[in-house]
Amino acid sequence: MNIHYLEVVTPDVASVCKSYELTQNVRFGEPDEMLGGARTGTLPDGCILGIRAPLRADETPVVRPYWLVDDIDTAVSIVKAQGAEIAVPPVEIPSKGKFCIYILGSIEHGFWQR
């Protein structure tokens, strides 16, 4: 079970990035528009950490893990059968893979297929 992308949504991107830089030695790049303007850095285990501002007025701060899966459609079917709400169905991001967001147990999760 590996996290491919850990997304942090916050109204204070600069402070959160700075805190990770100082405490975790993560270096962030410029905003990536393909990832909603997230500033990203790669952790030693290869996980990508993305910090971004909310994309809409009603988006609240959240920390959302995107679990790496081999087959995103099968993974979505499994969590749907467990009662998950599919908030964002699988979407292709050119050169980055496919992702989706689901809500289960009142927690937002995601899947990522490379």
N, C-alpha and C. Protein backbone atom coordinates (compact mmCIF):
# COMPACT_ATOMS: atom_id res chain seq x y z
N MET A 1 0.86 -1.16 0.00
CA MET A 1 0.00 0.00 0.00
C MET A 1 0.91 1.22 0.00
N ASN A 2 0.91 1.94 -1.12
CA ASN A 2 1.77 3.11 -1.25
C ASN A 2 0.96 4.35 -1.60
N ILE A 3 1.35 5.45 -0.99
CA ILE A 3 0.77 6.73 -1.37
C ILE A 3 1.60 7.27 -2.53
N HIS A 4 0.92 7.57 -3.64
CA HIS A 4 1.60 8.16 -4.78
C HIS A 4 1.65 9.68 -4.64
N TYR A 5 0.52 10.26 -4.21
CA TYR A 5 0.40 11.71 -4.13
C TYR A 5 -0.32 12.06 -2.84
N LEU A 6 0.26 12.93 -2.04
CA LEU A 6 -0.37 13.42 -0.83
C LEU A 6 -0.70 14.89 -1.07
N GLU A 7 -1.99 15.18 -1.11
CA GLU A 7 -2.45 16.54 -1.43
C GLU A 7 -2.89 17.26 -0.17
N VAL A 8 -2.36 18.46 0.01
CA VAL A 8 -2.75 19.31 1.12
C VAL A 8 -3.39 20.56 0.52
N VAL A 9 -4.65 20.80 0.88
CA VAL A 9 -5.37 21.99 0.41
C VAL A 9 -5.46 22.95 1.59
N THR A 10 -4.94 24.15 1.40
CA THR A 10 -4.87 25.14 2.48
C THR A 10 -4.99 26.54 1.92
N PRO A 11 -5.56 27.47 2.67
CA PRO A 11 -5.58 28.85 2.20
C PRO A 11 -4.23 29.55 2.38
N ASP A 12 -3.26 28.89 3.05
CA ASP A 12 -1.95 29.50 3.30
C ASP A 12 -0.83 28.61 2.74
N VAL A 13 -0.76 28.51 1.44
CA VAL A 13 0.20 27.64 0.76
C VAL A 13 1.64 27.97 1.16
N ALA A 14 1.98 29.23 1.18
CA ALA A 14 3.36 29.63 1.46
C ALA A 14 3.84 29.15 2.83
N SER A 15 3.02 29.33 3.86
CA SER A 15 3.42 28.92 5.21
C SER A 15 3.53 27.41 5.34
N VAL A 16 2.59 26.69 4.74
CA VAL A 16 2.62 25.23 4.83
C VAL A 16 3.85 24.69 4.08
N CYS A 17 4.12 25.22 2.90
CA CYS A 17 5.32 24.79 2.15
C CYS A 17 6.57 25.08 2.98
N LYS A 18 6.66 26.25 3.54
CA LYS A 18 7.84 26.63 4.33
C LYS A 18 8.03 25.69 5.52
N SER A 19 6.92 25.33 6.19
CA SER A 19 7.04 24.45 7.35
C SER A 19 7.57 23.07 6.94
N TYR A 20 7.11 22.53 5.81
CA TYR A 20 7.62 21.24 5.33
C TYR A 20 9.08 21.37 4.88
N GLU A 21 9.41 22.48 4.26
CA GLU A 21 10.81 22.69 3.84
C GLU A 21 11.74 22.68 5.06
N LEU A 22 11.34 23.36 6.13
CA LEU A 22 12.19 23.48 7.30
C LEU A 22 12.22 22.23 8.18
N THR A 23 11.08 21.54 8.28
CA THR A 23 11.02 20.39 9.18
C THR A 23 11.27 19.05 8.49
N GLN A 24 11.00 18.97 7.20
CA GLN A 24 11.11 17.68 6.49
C GLN A 24 12.12 17.70 5.34
N ASN A 25 12.77 18.83 5.14
CA ASN A 25 13.76 18.97 4.07
C ASN A 25 13.18 18.67 2.68
N VAL A 26 11.96 19.10 2.45
CA VAL A 26 11.31 18.94 1.15
C VAL A 26 11.47 20.24 0.38
N ARG A 27 11.80 20.16 -0.88
CA ARG A 27 11.92 21.34 -1.74
C ARG A 27 10.76 21.35 -2.72
N PHE A 28 10.06 22.46 -2.79
CA PHE A 28 8.89 22.59 -3.64
C PHE A 28 9.21 23.37 -4.90
N GLY A 29 8.61 22.94 -6.00
CA GLY A 29 8.76 23.64 -7.26
C GLY A 29 7.71 24.73 -7.41
N GLU A 30 7.67 25.29 -8.59
CA GLU A 30 6.66 26.30 -8.92
C GLU A 30 5.29 25.63 -9.04
N PRO A 31 4.21 26.41 -8.97
CA PRO A 31 2.87 25.84 -9.11
C PRO A 31 2.72 25.05 -10.42
N ASP A 32 2.09 23.89 -10.32
CA ASP A 32 1.84 23.01 -11.46
C ASP A 32 0.36 23.11 -11.80
N GLU A 33 0.04 23.77 -12.89
CA GLU A 33 -1.36 23.97 -13.27
C GLU A 33 -2.08 22.67 -13.55
N MET A 34 -1.35 21.62 -13.96
CA MET A 34 -1.97 20.31 -14.21
C MET A 34 -2.46 19.68 -12.90
N LEU A 35 -1.95 20.16 -11.77
CA LEU A 35 -2.34 19.66 -10.45
C LEU A 35 -3.05 20.74 -9.64
N GLY A 36 -3.82 21.57 -10.30
CA GLY A 36 -4.60 22.61 -9.62
C GLY A 36 -3.77 23.73 -9.05
N GLY A 37 -2.58 23.92 -9.59
CA GLY A 37 -1.71 24.98 -9.08
C GLY A 37 -0.89 24.56 -7.87
N ALA A 38 -0.85 23.26 -7.60
CA ALA A 38 -0.10 22.77 -6.44
C ALA A 38 1.39 22.97 -6.63
N ARG A 39 2.05 23.35 -5.56
CA ARG A 39 3.52 23.33 -5.51
C ARG A 39 3.88 21.95 -5.03
N THR A 40 4.74 21.24 -5.75
CA THR A 40 5.03 19.85 -5.41
C THR A 40 6.49 19.63 -5.06
N GLY A 41 6.69 18.62 -4.23
CA GLY A 41 8.02 18.16 -3.87
C GLY A 41 7.97 16.65 -3.74
N THR A 42 9.09 15.99 -3.98
CA THR A 42 9.14 14.54 -3.89
C THR A 42 9.83 14.13 -2.59
N LEU A 43 9.18 13.24 -1.86
CA LEU A 43 9.71 12.73 -0.61
C LEU A 43 10.71 11.61 -0.89
N PRO A 44 11.56 11.26 0.07
CA PRO A 44 12.59 10.23 -0.15
C PRO A 44 12.04 8.90 -0.67
N ASP A 45 10.80 8.53 -0.29
CA ASP A 45 10.23 7.26 -0.74
C ASP A 45 9.59 7.35 -2.12
N GLY A 46 9.65 8.54 -2.76
CA GLY A 46 9.08 8.73 -4.09
C GLY A 46 7.69 9.31 -4.09
N CYS A 47 7.05 9.40 -2.93
CA CYS A 47 5.72 10.00 -2.83
C CYS A 47 5.82 11.48 -3.20
N ILE A 48 4.84 11.97 -3.91
CA ILE A 48 4.79 13.38 -4.27
C ILE A 48 3.88 14.10 -3.30
N LEU A 49 4.37 15.18 -2.72
CA LEU A 49 3.60 16.01 -1.81
C LEU A 49 3.21 17.27 -2.56
N GLY A 50 1.91 17.55 -2.63
CA GLY A 50 1.41 18.73 -3.32
C GLY A 50 0.65 19.63 -2.37
N ILE A 51 1.00 20.89 -2.35
CA ILE A 51 0.33 21.88 -1.50
C ILE A 51 -0.33 22.89 -2.43
N ARG A 52 -1.65 23.06 -2.28
CA ARG A 52 -2.36 24.00 -3.14
C ARG A 52 -3.45 24.73 -2.38
N ALA A 53 -3.89 25.82 -2.96
CA ALA A 53 -5.00 26.60 -2.41
C ALA A 53 -6.32 25.97 -2.88
N PRO A 54 -7.41 26.26 -2.19
CA PRO A 54 -8.71 25.77 -2.64
C PRO A 54 -9.00 26.22 -4.08
N LEU A 55 -9.66 25.36 -4.84
CA LEU A 55 -9.99 25.67 -6.23
C LEU A 55 -11.35 26.33 -6.39
N ARG A 56 -12.15 26.28 -5.34
CA ARG A 56 -13.47 26.91 -5.38
C ARG A 56 -13.81 27.43 -3.98
N ALA A 57 -14.75 28.33 -3.88
CA ALA A 57 -15.06 29.00 -2.61
C ALA A 57 -15.50 28.03 -1.52
N ASP A 58 -16.16 26.93 -1.89
CA ASP A 58 -16.66 26.01 -0.87
C ASP A 58 -15.72 24.83 -0.60
N GLU A 59 -14.51 24.84 -1.17
CA GLU A 59 -13.55 23.77 -0.89
C GLU A 59 -12.86 24.05 0.43
N THR A 60 -12.96 23.13 1.35
CA THR A 60 -12.38 23.31 2.67
C THR A 60 -10.98 22.69 2.73
N PRO A 61 -10.16 23.13 3.68
CA PRO A 61 -8.84 22.53 3.84
C PRO A 61 -8.95 21.02 4.07
N VAL A 62 -8.02 20.29 3.48
CA VAL A 62 -8.05 18.83 3.60
C VAL A 62 -6.65 18.28 3.32
N VAL A 63 -6.36 17.14 3.91
CA VAL A 63 -5.18 16.37 3.56
C VAL A 63 -5.72 15.08 2.94
N ARG A 64 -5.39 14.85 1.68
CA ARG A 64 -6.00 13.76 0.92
C ARG A 64 -4.92 12.84 0.35
N PRO A 65 -4.86 11.58 0.83
CA PRO A 65 -3.91 10.63 0.23
C PRO A 65 -4.49 10.04 -1.06
N TYR A 66 -3.65 9.90 -2.05
CA TYR A 66 -4.01 9.21 -3.29
C TYR A 66 -3.21 7.92 -3.31
N TRP A 67 -3.91 6.80 -3.13
CA TRP A 67 -3.27 5.50 -3.05
C TRP A 67 -2.95 5.00 -4.46
N LEU A 68 -1.74 4.51 -4.64
CA LEU A 68 -1.30 3.97 -5.92
C LEU A 68 -1.98 2.63 -6.17
N VAL A 69 -2.62 2.49 -7.32
CA VAL A 69 -3.29 1.25 -7.71
C VAL A 69 -2.89 0.87 -9.13
N ASP A 70 -2.97 -0.42 -9.42
CA ASP A 70 -2.67 -0.90 -10.77
C ASP A 70 -3.84 -0.68 -11.72
N ASP A 71 -5.07 -0.78 -11.19
CA ASP A 71 -6.27 -0.66 -12.02
C ASP A 71 -7.28 0.22 -11.29
N ILE A 72 -7.35 1.47 -11.69
CA ILE A 72 -8.19 2.45 -10.99
C ILE A 72 -9.68 2.12 -11.11
N ASP A 73 -10.10 1.59 -12.26
CA ASP A 73 -11.52 1.28 -12.44
C ASP A 73 -11.96 0.16 -11.50
N THR A 74 -11.12 -0.86 -11.33
CA THR A 74 -11.43 -1.94 -10.40
C THR A 74 -11.45 -1.42 -8.97
N ALA A 75 -10.47 -0.58 -8.60
CA ALA A 75 -10.42 -0.02 -7.25
C ALA A 75 -11.67 0.81 -6.96
N VAL A 76 -12.11 1.60 -7.94
CA VAL A 76 -13.32 2.41 -7.76
C VAL A 76 -14.54 1.50 -7.56
N SER A 77 -14.64 0.45 -8.34
CA SER A 77 -15.76 -0.49 -8.18
C SER A 77 -15.79 -1.09 -6.77
N ILE A 78 -14.62 -1.43 -6.26
CA ILE A 78 -14.54 -2.04 -4.93
C ILE A 78 -15.00 -1.06 -3.85
N VAL A 79 -14.52 0.18 -3.89
CA VAL A 79 -14.93 1.12 -2.83
C VAL A 79 -16.39 1.53 -2.98
N LYS A 80 -16.89 1.60 -4.22
CA LYS A 80 -18.33 1.88 -4.41
C LYS A 80 -19.17 0.80 -3.77
N ALA A 81 -18.75 -0.45 -3.90
CA ALA A 81 -19.48 -1.57 -3.30
C ALA A 81 -19.46 -1.49 -1.78
N GLN A 82 -18.48 -0.78 -1.23
CA GLN A 82 -18.38 -0.60 0.22
C GLN A 82 -19.12 0.65 0.69
N GLY A 83 -19.77 1.35 -0.24
CA GLY A 83 -20.56 2.53 0.11
C GLY A 83 -19.90 3.86 -0.13
N ALA A 84 -18.77 3.88 -0.81
CA ALA A 84 -18.09 5.15 -1.09
C ALA A 84 -18.88 6.01 -2.07
N GLU A 85 -18.79 7.30 -1.86
CA GLU A 85 -19.30 8.28 -2.82
C GLU A 85 -18.12 8.66 -3.72
N ILE A 86 -18.31 8.57 -5.02
CA ILE A 86 -17.26 8.94 -5.97
C ILE A 86 -17.41 10.44 -6.24
N ALA A 87 -16.54 11.23 -5.65
CA ALA A 87 -16.62 12.69 -5.78
C ALA A 87 -16.06 13.15 -7.13
N VAL A 88 -14.99 12.52 -7.58
CA VAL A 88 -14.40 12.80 -8.90
C VAL A 88 -14.10 11.45 -9.53
N PRO A 89 -14.81 11.10 -10.60
CA PRO A 89 -14.53 9.82 -11.25
C PRO A 89 -13.14 9.84 -11.89
N PRO A 90 -12.61 8.67 -12.27
CA PRO A 90 -11.26 8.64 -12.86
C PRO A 90 -11.09 9.64 -14.01
N VAL A 91 -10.01 10.42 -13.90
CA VAL A 91 -9.68 11.46 -14.87
C VAL A 91 -8.21 11.29 -15.25
N GLU A 92 -7.93 11.40 -16.52
CA GLU A 92 -6.55 11.31 -17.03
C GLU A 92 -5.89 12.69 -16.95
N ILE A 93 -4.69 12.75 -16.40
CA ILE A 93 -3.87 13.96 -16.45
C ILE A 93 -2.69 13.62 -17.36
N PRO A 94 -2.60 14.25 -18.52
CA PRO A 94 -1.54 13.91 -19.46
C PRO A 94 -0.15 13.86 -18.81
N SER A 95 0.55 12.81 -19.06
CA SER A 95 1.92 12.53 -18.59
C SER A 95 2.03 12.30 -17.08
N LYS A 96 0.89 12.29 -16.36
CA LYS A 96 0.93 12.07 -14.91
C LYS A 96 0.15 10.83 -14.49
N GLY A 97 -0.81 10.39 -15.28
CA GLY A 97 -1.61 9.23 -14.94
C GLY A 97 -3.07 9.57 -14.77
N LYS A 98 -3.80 8.67 -14.10
CA LYS A 98 -5.23 8.83 -13.85
C LYS A 98 -5.44 8.95 -12.35
N PHE A 99 -6.39 9.79 -11.95
CA PHE A 99 -6.72 9.91 -10.53
C PHE A 99 -8.22 9.94 -10.35
N CYS A 100 -8.66 9.69 -9.14
CA CYS A 100 -10.07 9.88 -8.76
C CYS A 100 -10.09 10.24 -7.28
N ILE A 101 -11.23 10.78 -6.85
CA ILE A 101 -11.44 11.10 -5.43
C ILE A 101 -12.71 10.41 -4.99
N TYR A 102 -12.65 9.77 -3.82
CA TYR A 102 -13.84 9.16 -3.26
C TYR A 102 -13.94 9.51 -1.78
N ILE A 103 -15.16 9.44 -1.26
CA ILE A 103 -15.41 9.75 0.15
C ILE A 103 -15.97 8.48 0.79
N LEU A 104 -15.31 8.05 1.83
CA LEU A 104 -15.74 6.85 2.55
C LEU A 104 -15.44 7.07 4.03
N GLY A 105 -16.42 6.80 4.86
CA GLY A 105 -16.24 7.04 6.30
C GLY A 105 -16.04 8.51 6.61
N SER A 106 -16.65 9.38 5.82
CA SER A 106 -16.55 10.84 5.97
C SER A 106 -15.16 11.38 5.68
N ILE A 107 -14.28 10.56 5.10
CA ILE A 107 -12.91 10.95 4.81
C ILE A 107 -12.71 10.95 3.29
N GLU A 108 -12.04 11.97 2.78
CA GLU A 108 -11.70 12.01 1.36
C GLU A 108 -10.41 11.23 1.12
N HIS A 109 -10.47 10.37 0.11
CA HIS A 109 -9.33 9.56 -0.30
C HIS A 109 -9.22 9.72 -1.82
N GLY A 110 -8.15 9.22 -2.37
CA GLY A 110 -8.01 9.18 -3.82
C GLY A 110 -7.27 7.93 -4.26
N PHE A 111 -7.42 7.61 -5.52
CA PHE A 111 -6.62 6.58 -6.16
C PHE A 111 -5.81 7.23 -7.27
N TRP A 112 -4.64 6.67 -7.55
CA TRP A 112 -3.79 7.15 -8.64
C TRP A 112 -3.25 5.94 -9.39
N GLN A 113 -3.41 5.97 -10.69
CA GLN A 113 -2.86 4.93 -11.54
C GLN A 113 -1.87 5.58 -12.49
N ARG A 114 -0.63 5.09 -12.49
CA ARG A 114 0.39 5.65 -13.37
C ARG A 114 0.30 5.05 -14.76
